[in-house]
Amino acid sequence: MVRVRRGASQLGCLVTLLVIAAIGYFAVNVAQVGWAYYTFLDRMRSEAIYAPHRTDTVIRRRLADLADSLNLPESAQNIQVRRTPHAIFIWADYSAHIELPGFVYELHLSPQATGAF
């Protein structure tokens, strides 16, 4: 005996897979921005730890090179460094664009690190 199937459950499965794929596609965009931010922040913290052995120019250059390799916006390469007799402050400001369905979201990021001597 041959059973006739309507196919409704197969269509529902296809729609579910399509929705999951779309969510995954846009989640990758968000994850890339987050990964780049935390990588940049981690390097800032490392530079703050080793700041007594490096000049401000070297710190700026190393962080600007990393920002370039992470494909961060040009404004991320404008790294600010301020030293006091017993501490160092490193920060940058930039905006990242996240593409979502129907619009582009602009996210303002301000990674910063502090180190003590």
PDB file of N, CA and C in Angstrom:
ATOM      1  N   MET A   1       0.833  -1.166   0.000  1.00  0.00           N
ATOM      2  CA  MET A   1       0.000   0.000   0.000  1.00  0.00           C
ATOM      3  C   MET A   1       0.891   1.248   0.000  1.00  0.00           C
ATOM      4  N   VAL A   2       0.568   2.183  -0.843  1.00  0.00           N
ATOM      5  CA  VAL A   2       1.302   3.424  -0.963  1.00  0.00           C
ATOM      6  C   VAL A   2       0.578   4.498  -0.158  1.00  0.00           C
ATOM      7  N   ARG A   3       1.356   5.176   0.694  1.00  0.00           N
ATOM      8  CA  ARG A   3       0.758   6.245   1.508  1.00  0.00           C
ATOM      9  C   ARG A   3       1.002   7.590   0.819  1.00  0.00           C
ATOM     10  N   VAL A   4       0.001   8.374   0.769  1.00  0.00           N
ATOM     11  CA  VAL A   4       0.104   9.709   0.188  1.00  0.00           C
ATOM     12  C   VAL A   4       0.486  10.678   1.309  1.00  0.00           C
ATOM     13  N   ARG A   5       1.556  11.449   1.085  1.00  0.00           N
ATOM     14  CA  ARG A   5       2.002  12.415   2.089  1.00  0.00           C
ATOM     15  C   ARG A   5       1.745  13.819   1.565  1.00  0.00           C
ATOM     16  N   ARG A   6       1.269  14.666   2.443  1.00  0.00           N
ATOM     17  CA  ARG A   6       0.946  16.033   2.044  1.00  0.00           C
ATOM     18  C   ARG A   6       2.195  16.866   1.796  1.00  0.00           C
ATOM     19  N   GLY A   7       3.277  16.624   2.538  1.00  0.00           N
ATOM     20  CA  GLY A   7       4.491  17.409   2.361  1.00  0.00           C
ATOM     21  C   GLY A   7       4.552  18.626   3.246  1.00  0.00           C
ATOM     22  N   ALA A   8       3.531  18.847   4.050  1.00  0.00           N
ATOM     23  CA  ALA A   8       3.517  20.022   4.916  1.00  0.00           C
ATOM     24  C   ALA A   8       4.649  19.984   5.930  1.00  0.00           C
ATOM     25  N   SER A   9       4.958  18.827   6.455  1.00  0.00           N
ATOM     26  CA  SER A   9       6.020  18.755   7.445  1.00  0.00           C
ATOM     27  C   SER A   9       7.380  19.006   6.798  1.00  0.00           C
ATOM     28  N   GLN A  10       7.560  18.597   5.553  1.00  0.00           N
ATOM     29  CA  GLN A  10       8.815  18.848   4.867  1.00  0.00           C
ATOM     30  C   GLN A  10       8.990  20.338   4.602  1.00  0.00           C
ATOM     31  N   LEU A  11       7.941  21.018   4.249  1.00  0.00           N
ATOM     32  CA  LEU A  11       8.015  22.451   4.013  1.00  0.00           C
ATOM     33  C   LEU A  11       8.316  23.191   5.309  1.00  0.00           C
ATOM     34  N   GLY A  12       7.704  22.749   6.399  1.00  0.00           N
ATOM     35  CA  GLY A  12       7.971  23.364   7.698  1.00  0.00           C
ATOM     36  C   GLY A  12       9.422  23.184   8.104  1.00  0.00           C
ATOM     37  N   CYS A  13       9.989  22.034   7.808  1.00  0.00           N
ATOM     38  CA  CYS A  13      11.389  21.768   8.112  1.00  0.00           C
ATOM     39  C   CYS A  13      12.290  22.677   7.262  1.00  0.00           C
ATOM     40  N   LEU A  14      11.950  22.850   6.005  1.00  0.00           N
ATOM     41  CA  LEU A  14      12.731  23.697   5.110  1.00  0.00           C
ATOM     42  C   LEU A  14      12.715  25.145   5.588  1.00  0.00           C
ATOM     43  N   VAL A  15      11.555  25.636   5.993  1.00  0.00           N
ATOM     44  CA  VAL A  15      11.451  27.008   6.491  1.00  0.00           C
ATOM     45  C   VAL A  15      12.277  27.168   7.766  1.00  0.00           C
ATOM     46  N   THR A  16      12.211  26.185   8.657  1.00  0.00           N
ATOM     47  CA  THR A  16      12.996  26.234   9.887  1.00  0.00           C
ATOM     48  C   THR A  16      14.491  26.277   9.581  1.00  0.00           C
ATOM     49  N   LEU A  17      14.944  25.453   8.657  1.00  0.00           N
ATOM     50  CA  LEU A  17      16.356  25.459   8.273  1.00  0.00           C
ATOM     51  C   LEU A  17      16.759  26.788   7.639  1.00  0.00           C
ATOM     52  N   LEU A  18      15.873  27.365   6.857  1.00  0.00           N
ATOM     53  CA  LEU A  18      16.148  28.656   6.235  1.00  0.00           C
ATOM     54  C   LEU A  18      16.281  29.757   7.287  1.00  0.00           C
ATOM     55  N   VAL A  19      15.411  29.752   8.283  1.00  0.00           N
ATOM     56  CA  VAL A  19      15.480  30.737   9.367  1.00  0.00           C
ATOM     57  C   VAL A  19      16.770  30.559  10.163  1.00  0.00           C
ATOM     58  N   ILE A  20      17.127  29.330  10.463  1.00  0.00           N
ATOM     59  CA  ILE A  20      18.367  29.062  11.207  1.00  0.00           C
ATOM     60  C   ILE A  20      19.584  29.514  10.406  1.00  0.00           C
ATOM     61  N   ALA A  21      19.587  29.278   9.105  1.00  0.00           N
ATOM     62  CA  ALA A  21      20.699  29.711   8.255  1.00  0.00           C
ATOM     63  C   ALA A  21      20.805  31.232   8.227  1.00  0.00           C
ATOM     64  N   ALA A  22      19.676  31.933   8.155  1.00  0.00           N
ATOM     65  CA  ALA A  22      19.690  33.401   8.142  1.00  0.00           C
ATOM     66  C   ALA A  22      20.218  33.943   9.467  1.00  0.00           C
ATOM     67  N   ILE A  23      19.777  33.368  10.568  1.00  0.00           N
ATOM     68  CA  ILE A  23      20.267  33.798  11.881  1.00  0.00           C
ATOM     69  C   ILE A  23      21.771  33.551  11.978  1.00  0.00           C
ATOM     70  N   GLY A  24      22.225  32.413  11.508  1.00  0.00           N
ATOM     71  CA  GLY A  24      23.655  32.108  11.522  1.00  0.00           C
ATOM     72  C   GLY A  24      24.463  33.079  10.677  1.00  0.00           C
ATOM     73  N   TYR A  25      23.932  33.445   9.510  1.00  0.00           N
ATOM     74  CA  TYR A  25      24.630  34.381   8.628  1.00  0.00           C
ATOM     75  C   TYR A  25      24.842  35.732   9.312  1.00  0.00           C
ATOM     76  N   PHE A  26      23.799  36.253   9.944  1.00  0.00           N
ATOM     77  CA  PHE A  26      23.929  37.550  10.595  1.00  0.00           C
ATOM     78  C   PHE A  26      24.691  37.450  11.914  1.00  0.00           C
ATOM     79  N   ALA A  27      24.651  36.303  12.564  1.00  0.00           N
ATOM     80  CA  ALA A  27      25.417  36.111  13.796  1.00  0.00           C
ATOM     81  C   ALA A  27      26.917  36.132  13.510  1.00  0.00           C
ATOM     82  N   VAL A  28      27.307  35.671  12.339  1.00  0.00           N
ATOM     83  CA  VAL A  28      28.722  35.703  11.970  1.00  0.00           C
ATOM     84  C   VAL A  28      29.210  37.145  11.900  1.00  0.00           C
ATOM     85  N   ASN A  29      28.404  38.062  11.352  1.00  0.00           N
ATOM     86  CA  ASN A  29      28.793  39.477  11.288  1.00  0.00           C
ATOM     87  C   ASN A  29      29.004  40.051  12.690  1.00  0.00           C
ATOM     88  N   VAL A  30      28.107  39.745  13.596  1.00  0.00           N
ATOM     89  CA  VAL A  30      28.215  40.233  14.974  1.00  0.00           C
ATOM     90  C   VAL A  30      29.432  39.618  15.648  1.00  0.00           C
ATOM     91  N   ALA A  31      29.658  38.326  15.428  1.00  0.00           N
ATOM     92  CA  ALA A  31      30.787  37.634  16.051  1.00  0.00           C
ATOM     93  C   ALA A  31      32.121  38.192  15.552  1.00  0.00           C
ATOM     94  N   GLN A  32      32.211  38.555  14.282  1.00  0.00           N
ATOM     95  CA  GLN A  32      33.459  39.111  13.754  1.00  0.00           C
ATOM     96  C   GLN A  32      33.791  40.436  14.422  1.00  0.00           C
ATOM     97  N   VAL A  33      32.794  41.280  14.619  1.00  0.00           N
ATOM     98  CA  VAL A  33      33.018  42.569  15.288  1.00  0.00           C
ATOM     99  C   VAL A  33      33.445  42.332  16.733  1.00  0.00           C
ATOM    100  N   GLY A  34      32.785  41.418  17.415  1.00  0.00           N
ATOM    101  CA  GLY A  34      33.131  41.122  18.803  1.00  0.00           C
ATOM    102  C   GLY A  34      34.514  40.525  18.939  1.00  0.00           C
ATOM    103  N   TRP A  35      34.865  39.600  18.045  1.00  0.00           N
ATOM    104  CA  TRP A  35      36.189  38.980  18.088  1.00  0.00           C
ATOM    105  C   TRP A  35      37.284  40.022  17.867  1.00  0.00           C
ATOM    106  N   ALA A  36      37.100  40.903  16.903  1.00  0.00           N
ATOM    107  CA  ALA A  36      38.096  41.941  16.626  1.00  0.00           C
ATOM    108  C   ALA A  36      38.238  42.885  17.823  1.00  0.00           C
ATOM    109  N   TYR A  37      37.109  43.252  18.443  1.00  0.00           N
ATOM    110  CA  TYR A  37      37.147  44.148  19.608  1.00  0.00           C
ATOM    111  C   TYR A  37      37.939  43.513  20.755  1.00  0.00           C
ATOM    112  N   TYR A  38      37.633  42.264  21.086  1.00  0.00           N
ATOM    113  CA  TYR A  38      38.305  41.635  22.220  1.00  0.00           C
ATOM    114  C   TYR A  38      39.766  41.312  21.923  1.00  0.00           C
ATOM    115  N   THR A  39      40.104  41.050  20.679  1.00  0.00           N
ATOM    116  CA  THR A  39      41.507  40.864  20.308  1.00  0.00           C
ATOM    117  C   THR A  39      42.268  42.173  20.469  1.00  0.00           C
ATOM    118  N   PHE A  40      41.668  43.265  20.012  1.00  0.00           N
ATOM    119  CA  PHE A  40      42.282  44.595  20.135  1.00  0.00           C
ATOM    120  C   PHE A  40      42.427  44.986  21.612  1.00  0.00           C
ATOM    121  N   LEU A  41      41.401  44.743  22.391  1.00  0.00           N
ATOM    122  CA  LEU A  41      41.430  45.053  23.823  1.00  0.00           C
ATOM    123  C   LEU A  41      42.494  44.225  24.543  1.00  0.00           C
ATOM    124  N   ASP A  42      42.608  42.957  24.191  1.00  0.00           N
ATOM    125  CA  ASP A  42      43.611  42.093  24.818  1.00  0.00           C
ATOM    126  C   ASP A  42      45.025  42.598  24.521  1.00  0.00           C
ATOM    127  N   ARG A  43      45.266  43.019  23.287  1.00  0.00           N
ATOM    128  CA  ARG A  43      46.597  43.548  22.943  1.00  0.00           C
ATOM    129  C   ARG A  43      46.849  44.863  23.670  1.00  0.00           C
ATOM    130  N   MET A  44      45.810  45.692  23.832  1.00  0.00           N
ATOM    131  CA  MET A  44      45.971  46.936  24.605  1.00  0.00           C
ATOM    132  C   MET A  44      46.407  46.621  26.029  1.00  0.00           C
ATOM    133  N   ARG A  45      45.760  45.635  26.630  1.00  0.00           N
ATOM    134  CA  ARG A  45      46.113  45.248  28.002  1.00  0.00           C
ATOM    135  C   ARG A  45      47.543  44.732  28.075  1.00  0.00           C
ATOM    136  N   SER A  46      47.963  43.978  27.083  1.00  0.00           N
ATOM    137  CA  SER A  46      49.340  43.489  27.041  1.00  0.00           C
ATOM    138  C   SER A  46      50.323  44.641  26.913  1.00  0.00           C
ATOM    139  N   GLU A  47      49.994  45.585  26.055  1.00  0.00           N
ATOM    140  CA  GLU A  47      50.864  46.751  25.891  1.00  0.00           C
ATOM    141  C   GLU A  47      50.941  47.570  27.179  1.00  0.00           C
ATOM    142  N   ALA A  48      49.846  47.640  27.922  1.00  0.00           N
ATOM    143  CA  ALA A  48      49.852  48.370  29.194  1.00  0.00           C
ATOM    144  C   ALA A  48      50.752  47.667  30.210  1.00  0.00           C
ATOM    145  N   ILE A  49      50.774  46.344  30.182  1.00  0.00           N
ATOM    146  CA  ILE A  49      51.631  45.597  31.104  1.00  0.00           C
ATOM    147  C   ILE A  49      53.106  45.840  30.794  1.00  0.00           C
ATOM    148  N   TYR A  50      53.453  45.831  29.511  1.00  0.00           N
ATOM    149  CA  TYR A  50      54.854  45.991  29.107  1.00  0.00           C
ATOM    150  C   TYR A  50      55.227  47.441  28.822  1.00  0.00           C
ATOM    151  N   ALA A  51      54.393  48.381  29.173  1.00  0.00           N
ATOM    152  CA  ALA A  51      54.623  49.803  28.891  1.00  0.00           C
ATOM    153  C   ALA A  51      55.914  50.359  29.487  1.00  0.00           C
ATOM    154  N   PRO A  52      56.355  49.923  30.671  1.00  0.00           N
ATOM    155  CA  PRO A  52      57.608  50.483  31.192  1.00  0.00           C
ATOM    156  C   PRO A  52      58.806  50.223  30.283  1.00  0.00           C
ATOM    157  N   HIS A  53      58.710  49.208  29.408  1.00  0.00           N
ATOM    158  CA  HIS A  53      59.831  48.848  28.544  1.00  0.00           C
ATOM    159  C   HIS A  53      59.659  49.344  27.110  1.00  0.00           C
ATOM    160  N   ARG A  54      58.564  50.050  26.824  1.00  0.00           N
ATOM    161  CA  ARG A  54      58.295  50.524  25.467  1.00  0.00           C
ATOM    162  C   ARG A  54      57.947  52.007  25.480  1.00  0.00           C
ATOM    163  N   THR A  55      58.255  52.663  24.383  1.00  0.00           N
ATOM    164  CA  THR A  55      57.901  54.072  24.262  1.00  0.00           C
ATOM    165  C   THR A  55      56.448  54.186  23.781  1.00  0.00           C
ATOM    166  N   ASP A  56      55.898  55.373  23.932  1.00  0.00           N
ATOM    167  CA  ASP A  56      54.528  55.611  23.474  1.00  0.00           C
ATOM    168  C   ASP A  56      54.400  55.399  21.964  1.00  0.00           C
ATOM    169  N   THR A  57      55.413  55.795  21.229  1.00  0.00           N
ATOM    170  CA  THR A  57      55.396  55.643  19.774  1.00  0.00           C
ATOM    171  C   THR A  57      55.346  54.164  19.382  1.00  0.00           C
ATOM    172  N   VAL A  58      56.122  53.337  20.061  1.00  0.00           N
ATOM    173  CA  VAL A  58      56.131  51.904  19.766  1.00  0.00           C
ATOM    174  C   VAL A  58      54.769  51.296  20.095  1.00  0.00           C
ATOM    175  N   ILE A  59      54.191  51.684  21.209  1.00  0.00           N
ATOM    176  CA  ILE A  59      52.878  51.171  21.607  1.00  0.00           C
ATOM    177  C   ILE A  59      51.828  51.547  20.562  1.00  0.00           C
ATOM    178  N   ARG A  60      51.831  52.807  20.152  1.00  0.00           N
ATOM    179  CA  ARG A  60      50.866  53.261  19.135  1.00  0.00           C
ATOM    180  C   ARG A  60      51.041  52.503  17.824  1.00  0.00           C
ATOM    181  N   ARG A  61      52.285  52.330  17.397  1.00  0.00           N
ATOM    182  CA  ARG A  61      52.551  51.648  16.136  1.00  0.00           C
ATOM    183  C   ARG A  61      52.102  50.192  16.194  1.00  0.00           C
ATOM    184  N   ARG A  62      52.418  49.503  17.297  1.00  0.00           N
ATOM    185  CA  ARG A  62      52.033  48.091  17.416  1.00  0.00           C
ATOM    186  C   ARG A  62      50.506  47.934  17.410  1.00  0.00           C
ATOM    187  N   LEU A  63      49.815  48.819  18.119  1.00  0.00           N
ATOM    188  CA  LEU A  63      48.352  48.737  18.164  1.00  0.00           C
ATOM    189  C   LEU A  63      47.725  49.140  16.831  1.00  0.00           C
ATOM    190  N   ALA A  64      48.297  50.136  16.165  1.00  0.00           N
ATOM    191  CA  ALA A  64      47.782  50.546  14.855  1.00  0.00           C
ATOM    192  C   ALA A  64      47.967  49.427  13.834  1.00  0.00           C
ATOM    193  N   ASP A  65      49.095  48.721  13.899  1.00  0.00           N
ATOM    194  CA  ASP A  65      49.318  47.590  12.994  1.00  0.00           C
ATOM    195  C   ASP A  65      48.298  46.483  13.245  1.00  0.00           C
ATOM    196  N   LEU A  66      47.997  46.228  14.520  1.00  0.00           N
ATOM    197  CA  LEU A  66      46.994  45.212  14.836  1.00  0.00           C
ATOM    198  C   LEU A  66      45.613  45.641  14.340  1.00  0.00           C
ATOM    199  N   ALA A  67      45.261  46.902  14.550  1.00  0.00           N
ATOM    200  CA  ALA A  67      43.964  47.403  14.081  1.00  0.00           C
ATOM    201  C   ALA A  67      43.845  47.235  12.566  1.00  0.00           C
ATOM    202  N   ASP A  68      44.932  47.484  11.863  1.00  0.00           N
ATOM    203  CA  ASP A  68      44.928  47.318  10.410  1.00  0.00           C
ATOM    204  C   ASP A  68      44.758  45.846  10.031  1.00  0.00           C
ATOM    205  N   SER A  69      45.449  44.958  10.723  1.00  0.00           N
ATOM    206  CA  SER A  69      45.345  43.534  10.391  1.00  0.00           C
ATOM    207  C   SER A  69      43.972  42.954  10.756  1.00  0.00           C
ATOM    208  N   LEU A  70      43.283  43.547  11.720  1.00  0.00           N
ATOM    209  CA  LEU A  70      41.937  43.107  12.089  1.00  0.00           C
ATOM    210  C   LEU A  70      40.856  43.750  11.228  1.00  0.00           C
ATOM    211  N   ASN A  71      41.260  44.596  10.269  1.00  0.00           N
ATOM    212  CA  ASN A  71      40.341  45.321   9.386  1.00  0.00           C
ATOM    213  C   ASN A  71      39.396  46.224  10.170  1.00  0.00           C
ATOM    214  N   LEU A  72      39.917  46.833  11.230  1.00  0.00           N
ATOM    215  CA  LEU A  72      39.131  47.809  11.978  1.00  0.00           C
ATOM    216  C   LEU A  72      39.116  49.112  11.194  1.00  0.00           C
ATOM    217  N   PRO A  73      38.149  49.995  11.455  1.00  0.00           N
ATOM    218  CA  PRO A  73      38.101  51.284  10.746  1.00  0.00           C
ATOM    219  C   PRO A  73      39.356  52.122  11.009  1.00  0.00           C
ATOM    220  N   GLU A  74      39.595  53.071  10.127  1.00  0.00           N
ATOM    221  CA  GLU A  74      40.764  53.958  10.260  1.00  0.00           C
ATOM    222  C   GLU A  74      40.813  54.661  11.615  1.00  0.00           C
ATOM    223  N   SER A  75      39.653  55.012  12.160  1.00  0.00           N
ATOM    224  CA  SER A  75      39.634  55.722  13.444  1.00  0.00           C
ATOM    225  C   SER A  75      40.172  54.864  14.584  1.00  0.00           C
ATOM    226  N   ALA A  76      40.172  53.540  14.445  1.00  0.00           N
ATOM    227  CA  ALA A  76      40.719  52.660  15.483  1.00  0.00           C
ATOM    228  C   ALA A  76      42.238  52.773  15.552  1.00  0.00           C
ATOM    229  N   GLN A  77      42.847  53.257  14.488  1.00  0.00           N
ATOM    230  CA  GLN A  77      44.297  53.408  14.477  1.00  0.00           C
ATOM    231  C   GLN A  77      44.752  54.688  15.171  1.00  0.00           C
ATOM    232  N   ASN A  78      43.808  55.506  15.610  1.00  0.00           N
ATOM    233  CA  ASN A  78      44.126  56.727  16.348  1.00  0.00           C
ATOM    234  C   ASN A  78      44.164  56.372  17.845  1.00  0.00           C
ATOM    235  N   ILE A  79      45.253  55.758  18.273  1.00  0.00           N
ATOM    236  CA  ILE A  79      45.402  55.287  19.648  1.00  0.00           C
ATOM    237  C   ILE A  79      45.955  56.407  20.518  1.00  0.00           C
ATOM    238  N   GLN A  80      45.333  56.598  21.651  1.00  0.00           N
ATOM    239  CA  GLN A  80      45.765  57.618  22.603  1.00  0.00           C
ATOM    240  C   GLN A  80      46.522  56.937  23.751  1.00  0.00           C
ATOM    241  N   VAL A  81      47.653  57.529  24.138  1.00  0.00           N
ATOM    242  CA  VAL A  81      48.456  57.002  25.241  1.00  0.00           C
ATOM    243  C   VAL A  81      48.776  58.158  26.180  1.00  0.00           C
ATOM    244  N   ARG A  82      48.482  57.962  27.447  1.00  0.00           N
ATOM    245  CA  ARG A  82      48.818  58.978  28.459  1.00  0.00           C
ATOM    246  C   ARG A  82      49.536  58.294  29.616  1.00  0.00           C
ATOM    247  N   ARG A  83      50.686  58.857  29.975  1.00  0.00           N
ATOM    248  CA  ARG A  83      51.467  58.312  31.079  1.00  0.00           C
ATOM    249  C   ARG A  83      51.445  59.273  32.260  1.00  0.00           C
ATOM    250  N   THR A  84      51.441  58.690  33.442  1.00  0.00           N
ATOM    251  CA  THR A  84      51.673  59.426  34.682  1.00  0.00           C
ATOM    252  C   THR A  84      52.913  58.782  35.299  1.00  0.00           C
ATOM    253  N   PRO A  85      53.435  59.310  36.391  1.00  0.00           N
ATOM    254  CA  PRO A  85      54.639  58.693  36.964  1.00  0.00           C
ATOM    255  C   PRO A  85      54.467  57.213  37.351  1.00  0.00           C
ATOM    256  N   HIS A  86      53.249  56.785  37.638  1.00  0.00           N
ATOM    257  CA  HIS A  86      53.057  55.416  38.111  1.00  0.00           C
ATOM    258  C   HIS A  86      52.022  54.613  37.320  1.00  0.00           C
ATOM    259  N   ALA A  87      51.532  55.149  36.207  1.00  0.00           N
ATOM    260  CA  ALA A  87      50.498  54.424  35.452  1.00  0.00           C
ATOM    261  C   ALA A  87      50.521  54.849  33.990  1.00  0.00           C
ATOM    262  N   ILE A  88      49.861  54.027  33.177  1.00  0.00           N
ATOM    263  CA  ILE A  88      49.678  54.340  31.762  1.00  0.00           C
ATOM    264  C   ILE A  88      48.225  54.070  31.394  1.00  0.00           C
ATOM    265  N   PHE A  89      47.676  54.918  30.528  1.00  0.00           N
ATOM    266  CA  PHE A  89      46.305  54.783  30.050  1.00  0.00           C
ATOM    267  C   PHE A  89      46.351  54.724  28.527  1.00  0.00           C
ATOM    268  N   ILE A  90      45.735  53.699  27.966  1.00  0.00           N
ATOM    269  CA  ILE A  90      45.708  53.510  26.512  1.00  0.00           C
ATOM    270  C   ILE A  90      44.244  53.359  26.099  1.00  0.00           C
ATOM    271  N   TRP A  91      43.835  54.098  25.060  1.00  0.00           N
ATOM    272  CA  TRP A  91      42.452  53.980  24.605  1.00  0.00           C
ATOM    273  C   TRP A  91      42.326  54.371  23.140  1.00  0.00           C
ATOM    274  N   ALA A  92      41.215  53.971  22.560  1.00  0.00           N
ATOM    275  CA  ALA A  92      40.867  54.313  21.176  1.00  0.00           C
ATOM    276  C   ALA A  92      39.350  54.331  21.069  1.00  0.00           C
ATOM    277  N   ASP A  93      38.835  55.047  20.110  1.00  0.00           N
ATOM    278  CA  ASP A  93      37.399  55.104  19.829  1.00  0.00           C
ATOM    279  C   ASP A  93      37.178  54.834  18.348  1.00  0.00           C
ATOM    280  N   TYR A  94      36.209  53.990  18.060  1.00  0.00           N
ATOM    281  CA  TYR A  94      35.844  53.743  16.673  1.00  0.00           C
ATOM    282  C   TYR A  94      34.425  53.202  16.606  1.00  0.00           C
ATOM    283  N   SER A  95      33.875  53.206  15.409  1.00  0.00           N
ATOM    284  CA  SER A  95      32.525  52.684  15.175  1.00  0.00           C
ATOM    285  C   SER A  95      32.604  51.516  14.210  1.00  0.00           C
ATOM    286  N   ALA A  96      31.886  50.463  14.541  1.00  0.00           N
ATOM    287  CA  ALA A  96      31.816  49.290  13.669  1.00  0.00           C
ATOM    288  C   ALA A  96      30.401  49.193  13.110  1.00  0.00           C
ATOM    289  N   HIS A  97      30.294  48.723  11.889  1.00  0.00           N
ATOM    290  CA  HIS A  97      29.001  48.578  11.232  1.00  0.00           C
ATOM    291  C   HIS A  97      28.623  47.102  11.194  1.00  0.00           C
ATOM    292  N   ILE A  98      27.419  46.807  11.674  1.00  0.00           N
ATOM    293  CA  ILE A  98      26.903  45.442  11.676  1.00  0.00           C
ATOM    294  C   ILE A  98      25.684  45.404  10.756  1.00  0.00           C
ATOM    295  N   GLU A  99      25.748  44.539   9.753  1.00  0.00           N
ATOM    296  CA  GLU A  99      24.642  44.421   8.802  1.00  0.00           C
ATOM    297  C   GLU A  99      23.595  43.463   9.366  1.00  0.00           C
ATOM    298  N   LEU A 100      22.395  43.970   9.522  1.00  0.00           N
ATOM    299  CA  LEU A 100      21.259  43.178   9.981  1.00  0.00           C
ATOM    300  C   LEU A 100      20.183  43.229   8.906  1.00  0.00           C
ATOM    301  N   PRO A 101      19.202  42.358   8.967  1.00  0.00           N
ATOM    302  CA  PRO A 101      18.174  42.368   7.919  1.00  0.00           C
ATOM    303  C   PRO A 101      17.452  43.711   7.842  1.00  0.00           C
ATOM    304  N   GLY A 102      17.587  44.372   6.727  1.00  0.00           N
ATOM    305  CA  GLY A 102      16.860  45.607   6.497  1.00  0.00           C
ATOM    306  C   GLY A 102      17.565  46.883   6.914  1.00  0.00           C
ATOM    307  N   PHE A 103      18.651  46.804   7.688  1.00  0.00           N
ATOM    308  CA  PHE A 103      19.363  48.017   8.085  1.00  0.00           C
ATOM    309  C   PHE A 103      20.773  47.678   8.539  1.00  0.00           C
ATOM    310  N   VAL A 104      21.578  48.732   8.685  1.00  0.00           N
ATOM    311  CA  VAL A 104      22.948  48.593   9.166  1.00  0.00           C
ATOM    312  C   VAL A 104      23.021  49.281  10.523  1.00  0.00           C
ATOM    313  N   TYR A 105      23.492  48.551  11.529  1.00  0.00           N
ATOM    314  CA  TYR A 105      23.593  49.077  12.887  1.00  0.00           C
ATOM    315  C   TYR A 105      25.010  49.567  13.119  1.00  0.00           C
ATOM    316  N   GLU A 106      25.141  50.802  13.601  1.00  0.00           N
ATOM    317  CA  GLU A 106      26.453  51.369  13.901  1.00  0.00           C
ATOM    318  C   GLU A 106      26.709  51.238  15.399  1.00  0.00           C
ATOM    319  N   LEU A 107      27.767  50.542  15.743  1.00  0.00           N
ATOM    320  CA  LEU A 107      28.110  50.262  17.126  1.00  0.00           C
ATOM    321  C   LEU A 107      29.358  51.045  17.485  1.00  0.00           C
ATOM    322  N   HIS A 108      29.267  51.908  18.510  1.00  0.00           N
ATOM    323  CA  HIS A 108      30.414  52.694  18.960  1.00  0.00           C
ATOM    324  C   HIS A 108      31.179  51.901  20.004  1.00  0.00           C
ATOM    325  N   LEU A 109      32.484  51.702  19.779  1.00  0.00           N
ATOM    326  CA  LEU A 109      33.329  50.918  20.673  1.00  0.00           C
ATOM    327  C   LEU A 109      34.476  51.769  21.211  1.00  0.00           C
ATOM    328  N   SER A 110      34.815  51.591  22.480  1.00  0.00           N
ATOM    329  CA  SER A 110      35.886  52.347  23.128  1.00  0.00           C
ATOM    330  C   SER A 110      36.762  51.430  23.971  1.00  0.00           C
ATOM    331  N   PRO A 111      37.627  50.641  23.344  1.00  0.00           N
ATOM    332  CA  PRO A 111      38.505  49.800  24.144  1.00  0.00           C
ATOM    333  C   PRO A 111      39.517  50.659  24.901  1.00  0.00           C
ATOM    334  N   GLN A 112      39.823  50.262  26.130  1.00  0.00           N
ATOM    335  CA  GLN A 112      40.783  51.001  26.941  1.00  0.00           C
ATOM    336  C   GLN A 112      41.469  50.062  27.916  1.00  0.00           C
ATOM    337  N   ALA A 113      42.712  50.393  28.242  1.00  0.00           N
ATOM    338  CA  ALA A 113      43.489  49.577  29.166  1.00  0.00           C
ATOM    339  C   ALA A 113      44.307  50.485  30.066  1.00  0.00           C
ATOM    340  N   THR A 114      44.547  50.019  31.274  1.00  0.00           N
ATOM    341  CA  THR A 114      45.317  50.766  32.260  1.00  0.00           C
ATOM    342  C   THR A 114      46.369  49.837  32.842  1.00  0.00           C
ATOM    343  N   GLY A 115      47.559  50.356  33.039  1.00  0.00           N
ATOM    344  CA  GLY A 115      48.623  49.584  33.659  1.00  0.00           C
ATOM    345  C   GLY A 115      49.339  50.418  34.703  1.00  0.00           C
ATOM    346  N   ALA A 116      49.806  49.761  35.726  1.00  0.00           N
ATOM    347  CA  ALA A 116      50.546  50.453  36.796  1.00  0.00           C
ATOM    348  C   ALA A 116      52.011  50.045  36.704  1.00  0.00           C
ATOM    349  N   PHE A 117      52.887  50.965  37.071  1.00  0.00           N
ATOM    350  CA  PHE A 117      54.336  50.689  37.062  1.00  0.00           C
ATOM    351  C   PHE A 117      54.781  50.309  38.446  1.00  0.00           C
TER     352      PHE A 117
END
